[in-house]
């Protein structure tokens, strides 16, 4: 007797194979990631797709393994953007997932080559692209050396909130770090209100609570603060004290990705940023990876 797989099993396998095929066709350069010398995987790695779409690595791996898990429309939208799907591919993704696309004609912006060029040309101004979860999706040379050596970190650790509470180099560079961490935790809580059921947000929250007693104490206060620019001082180990204005340029809706830049507020800071950009990434004071 021939056994026929349930339609739901067939749909999950088709979804898994479609995601894998789209992931393997994209080069790191297309989404603003560093290729690296030891890359064996064709296209992007699973953890890179997870980072770009702000979902958990384990959760995305299960999705590509056709496991029986629930996928929200918001997560599908994030995956479509991360995988640079066109409108036909986006429609196919939602159809395989059995979900209704809330915005079927929405373009799928990501860290495009043009945005990567813009980041580079902003130098010496430190700049990066972040999503609302504080994941750092792309950055220029100066930003990569501003608070720690970002190149030494795995993609899943390139998150400003995680680094502010766990990375000693990042913490040492930020003047008035306790207040900065308080504001970041409050902004994260405000942003999370729209993402309470999403696996990536819950996974980051659990990771932070497990790693930092300070974060647990701040999270328990239930403080909320809206996003916004501010003046700050950063003490870089290579070039000294920097006086900067944190500025956000939203690349879509206010809850979506944004370009973050640190504009120098005096000539001494501008000169020091110029020097930081030209220094060797293995110069004194930068962690070795």
C-alpha atoms as a PDB file:
ATOM      1  CA  UNK A   1       0.000   0.000   0.000  1.00  0.00           C
ATOM      2  CA  UNK A   2       1.443   3.380  -1.026  1.00  0.00           C
ATOM      3  CA  UNK A   3       1.618   5.944   1.760  1.00  0.00           C
ATOM      4  CA  UNK A   4       0.895   9.543   0.784  1.00  0.00           C
ATOM      5  CA  UNK A   5       2.429  12.283   2.876  1.00  0.00           C
ATOM      6  CA  UNK A   6      -0.061  14.739   4.388  1.00  0.00           C
ATOM      7  CA  UNK A   7      -0.354  18.007   2.445  1.00  0.00           C
ATOM      8  CA  UNK A   8       1.088  19.903   5.400  1.00  0.00           C
ATOM      9  CA  UNK A   9       4.267  17.769   5.316  1.00  0.00           C
ATOM     10  CA  UNK A  10       4.661  18.322   1.579  1.00  0.00           C
ATOM     11  CA  UNK A  11       4.160  22.068   2.023  1.00  0.00           C
ATOM     12  CA  UNK A  12       6.793  22.274   4.780  1.00  0.00           C
ATOM     13  CA  UNK A  13       9.325  20.372   2.666  1.00  0.00           C
ATOM     14  CA  UNK A  14       8.672  22.626  -0.315  1.00  0.00           C
ATOM     15  CA  UNK A  15       9.082  25.686   1.913  1.00  0.00           C
ATOM     16  CA  UNK A  16      12.356  24.323   3.330  1.00  0.00           C
ATOM     17  CA  UNK A  17      13.783  23.609  -0.128  1.00  0.00           C
ATOM     18  CA  UNK A  18      12.685  26.995  -1.446  1.00  0.00           C
ATOM     19  CA  UNK A  19      14.357  28.841   1.445  1.00  0.00           C
ATOM     20  CA  UNK A  20      17.541  26.808   1.009  1.00  0.00           C
ATOM     21  CA  UNK A  21      17.671  27.505  -2.727  1.00  0.00           C
ATOM     22  CA  UNK A  22      17.173  31.252  -2.229  1.00  0.00           C
ATOM     23  CA  UNK A  23      19.797  31.348   0.531  1.00  0.00           C
ATOM     24  CA  UNK A  24      22.401  29.545  -1.571  1.00  0.00           C
ATOM     25  CA  UNK A  25      22.080  31.914  -4.519  1.00  0.00           C
ATOM     26  CA  UNK A  26      22.958  35.091  -2.550  1.00  0.00           C
ATOM     27  CA  UNK A  27      26.569  36.105  -2.033  1.00  0.00           C
ATOM     28  CA  UNK A  28      27.648  37.847   1.184  1.00  0.00           C
ATOM     29  CA  UNK A  29      28.610  40.917  -0.851  1.00  0.00           C
ATOM     30  CA  UNK A  30      25.001  41.341  -1.998  1.00  0.00           C
ATOM     31  CA  UNK A  31      23.806  41.882   1.561  1.00  0.00           C
ATOM     32  CA  UNK A  32      26.810  43.772   2.910  1.00  0.00           C
ATOM     33  CA  UNK A  33      28.524  40.895   4.745  1.00  0.00           C
ATOM     34  CA  UNK A  34      32.216  40.070   4.767  1.00  0.00           C
ATOM     35  CA  UNK A  35      32.921  36.948   2.712  1.00  0.00           C
ATOM     36  CA  UNK A  36      35.814  35.610   4.800  1.00  0.00           C
ATOM     37  CA  UNK A  37      38.502  33.151   3.715  1.00  0.00           C
ATOM     38  CA  UNK A  38      37.113  29.901   5.130  1.00  0.00           C
ATOM     39  CA  UNK A  39      33.675  29.974   3.523  1.00  0.00           C
ATOM     40  CA  UNK A  40      32.607  26.612   2.133  1.00  0.00           C
ATOM     41  CA  UNK A  41      28.844  27.105   2.114  1.00  0.00           C
ATOM     42  CA  UNK A  42      27.434  28.290  -1.231  1.00  0.00           C
ATOM     43  CA  UNK A  43      25.714  31.619  -0.780  1.00  0.00           C
ATOM     44  CA  UNK A  44      24.784  32.670   2.742  1.00  0.00           C
ATOM     45  CA  UNK A  45      25.060  30.606   5.903  1.00  0.00           C
ATOM     46  CA  UNK A  46      21.930  29.873   7.915  1.00  0.00           C
ATOM     47  CA  UNK A  47      23.123  32.044  10.774  1.00  0.00           C
ATOM     48  CA  UNK A  48      23.617  34.952   8.359  1.00  0.00           C
ATOM     49  CA  UNK A  49      20.031  34.681   7.098  1.00  0.00           C
ATOM     50  CA  UNK A  50      18.881  34.525  10.720  1.00  0.00           C
ATOM     51  CA  UNK A  51      20.862  37.656  11.533  1.00  0.00           C
ATOM     52  CA  UNK A  52      19.606  39.596   8.506  1.00  0.00           C
ATOM     53  CA  UNK A  53      15.977  38.682   9.201  1.00  0.00           C
ATOM     54  CA  UNK A  54      16.263  39.043  13.018  1.00  0.00           C
ATOM     55  CA  UNK A  55      15.137  35.500  13.813  1.00  0.00           C
ATOM     56  CA  UNK A  56      16.843  32.884  15.963  1.00  0.00           C
ATOM     57  CA  UNK A  57      19.453  30.659  14.299  1.00  0.00           C
ATOM     58  CA  UNK A  58      17.927  27.494  15.769  1.00  0.00           C
ATOM     59  CA  UNK A  59      14.440  28.531  14.707  1.00  0.00           C
ATOM     60  CA  UNK A  60      15.543  29.257  11.128  1.00  0.00           C
ATOM     61  CA  UNK A  61      17.430  25.943  10.995  1.00  0.00           C
ATOM     62  CA  UNK A  62      14.253  24.129  12.007  1.00  0.00           C
ATOM     63  CA  UNK A  63      12.419  25.955   9.221  1.00  0.00           C
ATOM     64  CA  UNK A  64      14.921  24.671   6.642  1.00  0.00           C
ATOM     65  CA  UNK A  65      14.603  21.194   8.168  1.00  0.00           C
ATOM     66  CA  UNK A  66      10.835  21.250   7.499  1.00  0.00           C
ATOM     67  CA  UNK A  67       9.964  20.934  11.171  1.00  0.00           C
ATOM     68  CA  UNK A  68       6.432  21.642  12.299  1.00  0.00           C
ATOM     69  CA  UNK A  69       6.700  25.187  13.617  1.00  0.00           C
ATOM     70  CA  UNK A  70       4.492  28.240  13.302  1.00  0.00           C
ATOM     71  CA  UNK A  71       5.618  31.127  11.087  1.00  0.00           C
ATOM     72  CA  UNK A  72       4.059  34.569  11.421  1.00  0.00           C
ATOM     73  CA  UNK A  73       3.479  36.959   8.546  1.00  0.00           C
ATOM     74  CA  UNK A  74       5.998  39.358  10.130  1.00  0.00           C
ATOM     75  CA  UNK A  75       8.721  36.708  10.086  1.00  0.00           C
ATOM     76  CA  UNK A  76       7.921  35.757   6.488  1.00  0.00           C
ATOM     77  CA  UNK A  77       8.188  39.427   5.544  1.00  0.00           C
ATOM     78  CA  UNK A  78      11.604  39.633   7.241  1.00  0.00           C
ATOM     79  CA  UNK A  79      12.808  36.482   5.447  1.00  0.00           C
ATOM     80  CA  UNK A  80      11.615  37.843   2.097  1.00  0.00           C
ATOM     81  CA  UNK A  81      13.634  40.994   2.662  1.00  0.00           C
ATOM     82  CA  UNK A  82      16.735  39.165   3.850  1.00  0.00           C
ATOM     83  CA  UNK A  83      16.668  36.782   0.880  1.00  0.00           C
ATOM     84  CA  UNK A  84      16.096  39.626  -1.639  1.00  0.00           C
ATOM     85  CA  UNK A  85      12.951  37.988  -3.008  1.00  0.00           C
ATOM     86  CA  UNK A  86      11.156  39.655  -5.878  1.00  0.00           C
ATOM     87  CA  UNK A  87       7.345  39.954  -5.859  1.00  0.00           C
ATOM     88  CA  UNK A  88       6.744  36.541  -7.459  1.00  0.00           C
ATOM     89  CA  UNK A  89       9.123  34.821  -5.050  1.00  0.00           C
ATOM     90  CA  UNK A  90       7.572  36.657  -2.103  1.00  0.00           C
ATOM     91  CA  UNK A  91       4.097  35.495  -3.128  1.00  0.00           C
ATOM     92  CA  UNK A  92       5.416  31.926  -3.466  1.00  0.00           C
ATOM     93  CA  UNK A  93       6.957  32.099   0.028  1.00  0.00           C
ATOM     94  CA  UNK A  94       3.681  33.155   1.632  1.00  0.00           C
ATOM     95  CA  UNK A  95       1.743  30.539  -0.351  1.00  0.00           C
ATOM     96  CA  UNK A  96       4.051  27.720   0.788  1.00  0.00           C
ATOM     97  CA  UNK A  97       3.742  28.905   4.385  1.00  0.00           C
ATOM     98  CA  UNK A  98      -0.056  29.005   4.097  1.00  0.00           C
ATOM     99  CA  UNK A  99      -0.094  32.624   5.190  1.00  0.00           C
ATOM    100  CA  UNK A 100      -1.704  35.759   3.796  1.00  0.00           C
ATOM    101  CA  UNK A 101       0.758  38.457   2.765  1.00  0.00           C
ATOM    102  CA  UNK A 102      -0.382  41.658   4.523  1.00  0.00           C
ATOM    103  CA  UNK A 103       1.417  43.817   1.938  1.00  0.00           C
ATOM    104  CA  UNK A 104       1.762  41.818  -1.308  1.00  0.00           C
ATOM    105  CA  UNK A 105       3.120  44.734  -3.315  1.00  0.00           C
ATOM    106  CA  UNK A 106       5.724  45.774  -0.752  1.00  0.00           C
ATOM    107  CA  UNK A 107       9.275  45.968  -2.134  1.00  0.00           C
ATOM    108  CA  UNK A 108      11.922  44.064  -0.177  1.00  0.00           C
ATOM    109  CA  UNK A 109      14.754  46.443   0.704  1.00  0.00           C
ATOM    110  CA  UNK A 110      17.851  45.009   2.346  1.00  0.00           C
ATOM    111  CA  UNK A 111      21.506  45.925   2.611  1.00  0.00           C
ATOM    112  CA  UNK A 112      21.916  46.442  -1.108  1.00  0.00           C
ATOM    113  CA  UNK A 113      25.262  47.020  -2.830  1.00  0.00           C
ATOM    114  CA  UNK A 114      24.291  50.684  -3.190  1.00  0.00           C
ATOM    115  CA  UNK A 115      23.689  51.006   0.548  1.00  0.00           C
ATOM    116  CA  UNK A 116      27.004  49.272   1.187  1.00  0.00           C
ATOM    117  CA  UNK A 117      28.732  51.879  -1.018  1.00  0.00           C
ATOM    118  CA  UNK A 118      26.950  54.669   0.849  1.00  0.00           C
ATOM    119  CA  UNK A 119      28.207  53.326   4.180  1.00  0.00           C
ATOM    120  CA  UNK A 120      31.768  53.207   2.872  1.00  0.00           C
ATOM    121  CA  UNK A 121      31.603  56.705   1.430  1.00  0.00           C
ATOM    122  CA  UNK A 122      30.341  58.160   4.693  1.00  0.00           C
ATOM    123  CA  UNK A 123      33.774  57.501   6.158  1.00  0.00           C
ATOM    124  CA  UNK A 124      35.335  58.775   8.333  1.00  0.00           C
ATOM    125  CA  UNK A 125      31.884  59.147   9.917  1.00  0.00           C
ATOM    126  CA  UNK A 126      31.118  55.848  11.712  1.00  0.00           C
ATOM    127  CA  UNK A 127      27.918  54.384  10.265  1.00  0.00           C
ATOM    128  CA  UNK A 128      26.000  51.119  10.258  1.00  0.00           C
ATOM    129  CA  UNK A 129      22.619  49.652   9.362  1.00  0.00           C
ATOM    130  CA  UNK A 130      20.616  48.326  12.321  1.00  0.00           C
ATOM    131  CA  UNK A 131      17.182  46.817  12.645  1.00  0.00           C
ATOM    132  CA  UNK A 132      14.763  47.605  15.472  1.00  0.00           C
ATOM    133  CA  UNK A 133      16.235  44.718  17.499  1.00  0.00           C
ATOM    134  CA  UNK A 134      19.685  46.398  17.555  1.00  0.00           C
ATOM    135  CA  UNK A 135      21.192  43.788  15.196  1.00  0.00           C
ATOM    136  CA  UNK A 136      24.069  45.337  13.211  1.00  0.00           C
ATOM    137  CA  UNK A 137      23.396  44.277   9.615  1.00  0.00           C
ATOM    138  CA  UNK A 138      26.260  46.163   7.928  1.00  0.00           C
ATOM    139  CA  UNK A 139      28.884  48.730   8.909  1.00  0.00           C
ATOM    140  CA  UNK A 140      31.759  50.752   7.522  1.00  0.00           C
ATOM    141  CA  UNK A 141      35.405  50.529   8.588  1.00  0.00           C
ATOM    142  CA  UNK A 142      35.262  53.330  11.153  1.00  0.00           C
ATOM    143  CA  UNK A 143      32.182  51.959  12.888  1.00  0.00           C
ATOM    144  CA  UNK A 144      33.765  48.510  12.956  1.00  0.00           C
ATOM    145  CA  UNK A 145      36.591  49.930  15.111  1.00  0.00           C
ATOM    146  CA  UNK A 146      34.628  52.485  17.140  1.00  0.00           C
ATOM    147  CA  UNK A 147      33.523  50.488  20.194  1.00  0.00           C
ATOM    148  CA  UNK A 148      35.159  47.096  19.629  1.00  0.00           C
ATOM    149  CA  UNK A 149      36.550  45.047  16.748  1.00  0.00           C
ATOM    150  CA  UNK A 150      33.271  43.954  15.132  1.00  0.00           C
ATOM    151  CA  UNK A 151      35.066  41.827  12.545  1.00  0.00           C
ATOM    152  CA  UNK A 152      36.203  39.408  15.259  1.00  0.00           C
ATOM    153  CA  UNK A 153      32.616  38.688  16.355  1.00  0.00           C
ATOM    154  CA  UNK A 154      30.307  36.021  14.907  1.00  0.00           C
ATOM    155  CA  UNK A 155      27.215  37.479  13.182  1.00  0.00           C
ATOM    156  CA  UNK A 156      24.872  36.453  16.002  1.00  0.00           C
ATOM    157  CA  UNK A 157      26.859  38.595  18.498  1.00  0.00           C
ATOM    158  CA  UNK A 158      26.792  41.763  16.381  1.00  0.00           C
ATOM    159  CA  UNK A 159      23.940  43.268  18.354  1.00  0.00           C
ATOM    160  CA  UNK A 160      24.354  46.596  20.173  1.00  0.00           C
ATOM    161  CA  UNK A 161      22.203  45.585  23.127  1.00  0.00           C
ATOM    162  CA  UNK A 162      24.045  42.293  23.612  1.00  0.00           C
ATOM    163  CA  UNK A 163      27.437  44.003  23.353  1.00  0.00           C
ATOM    164  CA  UNK A 164      26.458  46.809  25.733  1.00  0.00           C
ATOM    165  CA  UNK A 165      25.660  44.293  28.467  1.00  0.00           C
ATOM    166  CA  UNK A 166      28.284  41.592  27.806  1.00  0.00           C
ATOM    167  CA  UNK A 167      31.311  42.853  25.852  1.00  0.00           C
ATOM    168  CA  UNK A 168      34.051  44.450  28.014  1.00  0.00           C
ATOM    169  CA  UNK A 169      35.604  46.411  25.125  1.00  0.00           C
ATOM    170  CA  UNK A 170      32.249  47.904  24.083  1.00  0.00           C
ATOM    171  CA  UNK A 171      31.416  48.798  27.682  1.00  0.00           C
ATOM    172  CA  UNK A 172      34.807  50.401  28.321  1.00  0.00           C
ATOM    173  CA  UNK A 173      34.485  52.717  25.320  1.00  0.00           C
ATOM    174  CA  UNK A 174      31.110  54.222  26.207  1.00  0.00           C
ATOM    175  CA  UNK A 175      31.213  57.156  28.592  1.00  0.00           C
ATOM    176  CA  UNK A 176      28.276  57.071  31.049  1.00  0.00           C
ATOM    177  CA  UNK A 177      27.653  53.423  30.204  1.00  0.00           C
ATOM    178  CA  UNK A 178      25.044  52.786  32.949  1.00  0.00           C
ATOM    179  CA  UNK A 179      22.738  55.470  31.546  1.00  0.00           C
ATOM    180  CA  UNK A 180      23.334  54.278  27.982  1.00  0.00           C
ATOM    181  CA  UNK A 181      22.385  50.694  28.930  1.00  0.00           C
ATOM    182  CA  UNK A 182      19.275  51.888  30.754  1.00  0.00           C
ATOM    183  CA  UNK A 183      18.077  53.780  27.688  1.00  0.00           C
ATOM    184  CA  UNK A 184      18.831  50.863  25.343  1.00  0.00           C
ATOM    185  CA  UNK A 185      16.874  48.434  27.520  1.00  0.00           C
ATOM    186  CA  UNK A 186      13.951  50.882  27.649  1.00  0.00           C
ATOM    187  CA  UNK A 187      13.979  51.351  23.864  1.00  0.00           C
ATOM    188  CA  UNK A 188      14.167  47.603  23.345  1.00  0.00           C
ATOM    189  CA  UNK A 189      11.085  47.134  25.546  1.00  0.00           C
ATOM    190  CA  UNK A 190       9.201  49.834  23.632  1.00  0.00           C
ATOM    191  CA  UNK A 191      10.080  48.227  20.285  1.00  0.00           C
ATOM    192  CA  UNK A 192       9.280  44.710  21.494  1.00  0.00           C
ATOM    193  CA  UNK A 193       5.626  45.603  22.076  1.00  0.00           C
ATOM    194  CA  UNK A 194       5.046  44.995  18.348  1.00  0.00           C
ATOM    195  CA  UNK A 195       7.036  41.730  18.303  1.00  0.00           C
ATOM    196  CA  UNK A 196       6.027  39.899  21.495  1.00  0.00           C
ATOM    197  CA  UNK A 197       5.267  36.595  19.769  1.00  0.00           C
ATOM    198  CA  UNK A 198       8.245  36.544  17.405  1.00  0.00           C
ATOM    199  CA  UNK A 199      10.902  33.886  18.122  1.00  0.00           C
ATOM    200  CA  UNK A 200      13.911  36.119  17.451  1.00  0.00           C
ATOM    201  CA  UNK A 201      12.815  38.775  19.930  1.00  0.00           C
ATOM    202  CA  UNK A 202      12.011  36.207  22.612  1.00  0.00           C
ATOM    203  CA  UNK A 203      15.333  34.460  22.011  1.00  0.00           C
ATOM    204  CA  UNK A 204      17.326  37.697  22.384  1.00  0.00           C
ATOM    205  CA  UNK A 205      15.434  38.599  25.554  1.00  0.00           C
ATOM    206  CA  UNK A 206      16.091  35.159  27.060  1.00  0.00           C
ATOM    207  CA  UNK A 207      19.756  35.355  26.097  1.00  0.00           C
ATOM    208  CA  UNK A 208      20.168  38.765  27.724  1.00  0.00           C
ATOM    209  CA  UNK A 209      18.355  37.732  30.901  1.00  0.00           C
ATOM    210  CA  UNK A 210      20.530  34.644  31.146  1.00  0.00           C
ATOM    211  CA  UNK A 211      23.800  36.548  30.647  1.00  0.00           C
ATOM    212  CA  UNK A 212      23.346  39.769  32.623  1.00  0.00           C
ATOM    213  CA  UNK A 213      21.949  40.382  36.102  1.00  0.00           C
ATOM    214  CA  UNK A 214      22.111  44.107  35.317  1.00  0.00           C
ATOM    215  CA  UNK A 215      19.840  43.638  32.308  1.00  0.00           C
ATOM    216  CA  UNK A 216      17.384  41.571  34.375  1.00  0.00           C
ATOM    217  CA  UNK A 217      17.179  44.373  36.942  1.00  0.00           C
ATOM    218  CA  UNK A 218      16.619  47.053  34.280  1.00  0.00           C
ATOM    219  CA  UNK A 219      14.073  44.933  32.406  1.00  0.00           C
ATOM    220  CA  UNK A 220      12.046  44.487  35.583  1.00  0.00           C
ATOM    221  CA  UNK A 221      11.535  48.274  35.796  1.00  0.00           C
ATOM    222  CA  UNK A 222       9.291  48.263  32.668  1.00  0.00           C
ATOM    223  CA  UNK A 223      10.735  51.554  31.460  1.00  0.00           C
ATOM    224  CA  UNK A 224      10.020  52.574  27.866  1.00  0.00           C
ATOM    225  CA  UNK A 225      11.731  55.278  25.790  1.00  0.00           C
ATOM    226  CA  UNK A 226      11.185  56.227  22.152  1.00  0.00           C
ATOM    227  CA  UNK A 227      14.003  56.114  19.610  1.00  0.00           C
ATOM    228  CA  UNK A 228      15.880  59.350  19.028  1.00  0.00           C
ATOM    229  CA  UNK A 229      19.272  60.914  18.427  1.00  0.00           C
ATOM    230  CA  UNK A 230      21.534  62.169  21.199  1.00  0.00           C
ATOM    231  CA  UNK A 231      24.962  63.590  21.882  1.00  0.00           C
ATOM    232  CA  UNK A 232      27.456  61.139  23.353  1.00  0.00           C
ATOM    233  CA  UNK A 233      31.114  60.703  24.226  1.00  0.00           C
ATOM    234  CA  UNK A 234      33.037  57.579  23.210  1.00  0.00           C
ATOM    235  CA  UNK A 235      36.527  56.845  24.504  1.00  0.00           C
ATOM    236  CA  UNK A 236      38.242  54.843  21.753  1.00  0.00           C
ATOM    237  CA  UNK A 237      41.412  52.979  22.846  1.00  0.00           C
ATOM    238  CA  UNK A 238      43.269  53.922  19.658  1.00  0.00           C
ATOM    239  CA  UNK A 239      42.492  57.614  19.125  1.00  0.00           C
ATOM    240  CA  UNK A 240      41.065  58.902  22.402  1.00  0.00           C
ATOM    241  CA  UNK A 241      37.895  60.766  23.361  1.00  0.00           C
ATOM    242  CA  UNK A 242      35.308  61.415  20.631  1.00  0.00           C
ATOM    243  CA  UNK A 243      32.372  63.856  20.847  1.00  0.00           C
ATOM    244  CA  UNK A 244      29.605  62.629  18.539  1.00  0.00           C
ATOM    245  CA  UNK A 245      25.969  63.115  17.598  1.00  0.00           C
ATOM    246  CA  UNK A 246      24.030  59.860  17.180  1.00  0.00           C
ATOM    247  CA  UNK A 247      21.694  60.252  14.178  1.00  0.00           C
ATOM    248  CA  UNK A 248      19.127  57.806  12.740  1.00  0.00           C
ATOM    249  CA  UNK A 249      18.022  57.730   9.097  1.00  0.00           C
ATOM    250  CA  UNK A 250      15.044  55.399   8.718  1.00  0.00           C
ATOM    251  CA  UNK A 251      15.146  53.184   5.622  1.00  0.00           C
ATOM    252  CA  UNK A 252      11.451  52.311   5.815  1.00  0.00           C
ATOM    253  CA  UNK A 253       8.748  52.390   8.497  1.00  0.00           C
ATOM    254  CA  UNK A 254       9.899  53.658  11.884  1.00  0.00           C
ATOM    255  CA  UNK A 255       9.831  50.091  13.234  1.00  0.00           C
ATOM    256  CA  UNK A 256      12.135  48.862  10.481  1.00  0.00           C
ATOM    257  CA  UNK A 257      15.839  49.128   9.652  1.00  0.00           C
ATOM    258  CA  UNK A 258      17.717  52.387   9.985  1.00  0.00           C
ATOM    259  CA  UNK A 259      21.074  53.842   9.061  1.00  0.00           C
ATOM    260  CA  UNK A 260      22.880  54.954  12.214  1.00  0.00           C
ATOM    261  CA  UNK A 261      25.655  57.536  11.947  1.00  0.00           C
ATOM    262  CA  UNK A 262      27.909  59.185  14.536  1.00  0.00           C
ATOM    263  CA  UNK A 263      28.588  62.720  13.313  1.00  0.00           C
ATOM    264  CA  UNK A 264      31.633  64.503  14.830  1.00  0.00           C
ATOM    265  CA  UNK A 265      30.774  67.624  16.796  1.00  0.00           C
ATOM    266  CA  UNK A 266      34.214  69.254  16.723  1.00  0.00           C
ATOM    267  CA  UNK A 267      37.312  69.322  14.541  1.00  0.00           C
ATOM    268  CA  UNK A 268      39.398  67.297  16.985  1.00  0.00           C
ATOM    269  CA  UNK A 269      36.849  64.463  16.847  1.00  0.00           C
ATOM    270  CA  UNK A 270      36.747  64.622  13.050  1.00  0.00           C
ATOM    271  CA  UNK A 271      40.539  64.418  12.892  1.00  0.00           C
ATOM    272  CA  UNK A 272      40.582  61.458  15.281  1.00  0.00           C
ATOM    273  CA  UNK A 273      37.948  59.641  13.225  1.00  0.00           C
ATOM    274  CA  UNK A 274      40.061  60.148  10.105  1.00  0.00           C
ATOM    275  CA  UNK A 275      42.976  58.557  11.937  1.00  0.00           C
ATOM    276  CA  UNK A 276      40.821  55.678  13.211  1.00  0.00           C
ATOM    277  CA  UNK A 277      39.687  54.850   9.696  1.00  0.00           C
ATOM    278  CA  UNK A 278      43.250  54.576   8.399  1.00  0.00           C
ATOM    279  CA  UNK A 279      44.648  52.472  11.239  1.00  0.00           C
ATOM    280  CA  UNK A 280      45.355  48.791  10.708  1.00  0.00           C
ATOM    281  CA  UNK A 281      42.521  46.565  12.024  1.00  0.00           C
ATOM    282  CA  UNK A 282      45.170  44.707  14.036  1.00  0.00           C
ATOM    283  CA  UNK A 283      46.609  47.872  15.567  1.00  0.00           C
ATOM    284  CA  UNK A 284      47.330  48.257  19.245  1.00  0.00           C
ATOM    285  CA  UNK A 285      44.233  48.305  21.395  1.00  0.00           C
ATOM    286  CA  UNK A 286      42.029  46.248  19.076  1.00  0.00           C
ATOM    287  CA  UNK A 287      41.211  42.685  20.153  1.00  0.00           C
ATOM    288  CA  UNK A 288      42.738  39.994  18.017  1.00  0.00           C
ATOM    289  CA  UNK A 289      40.369  37.503  16.405  1.00  0.00           C
END
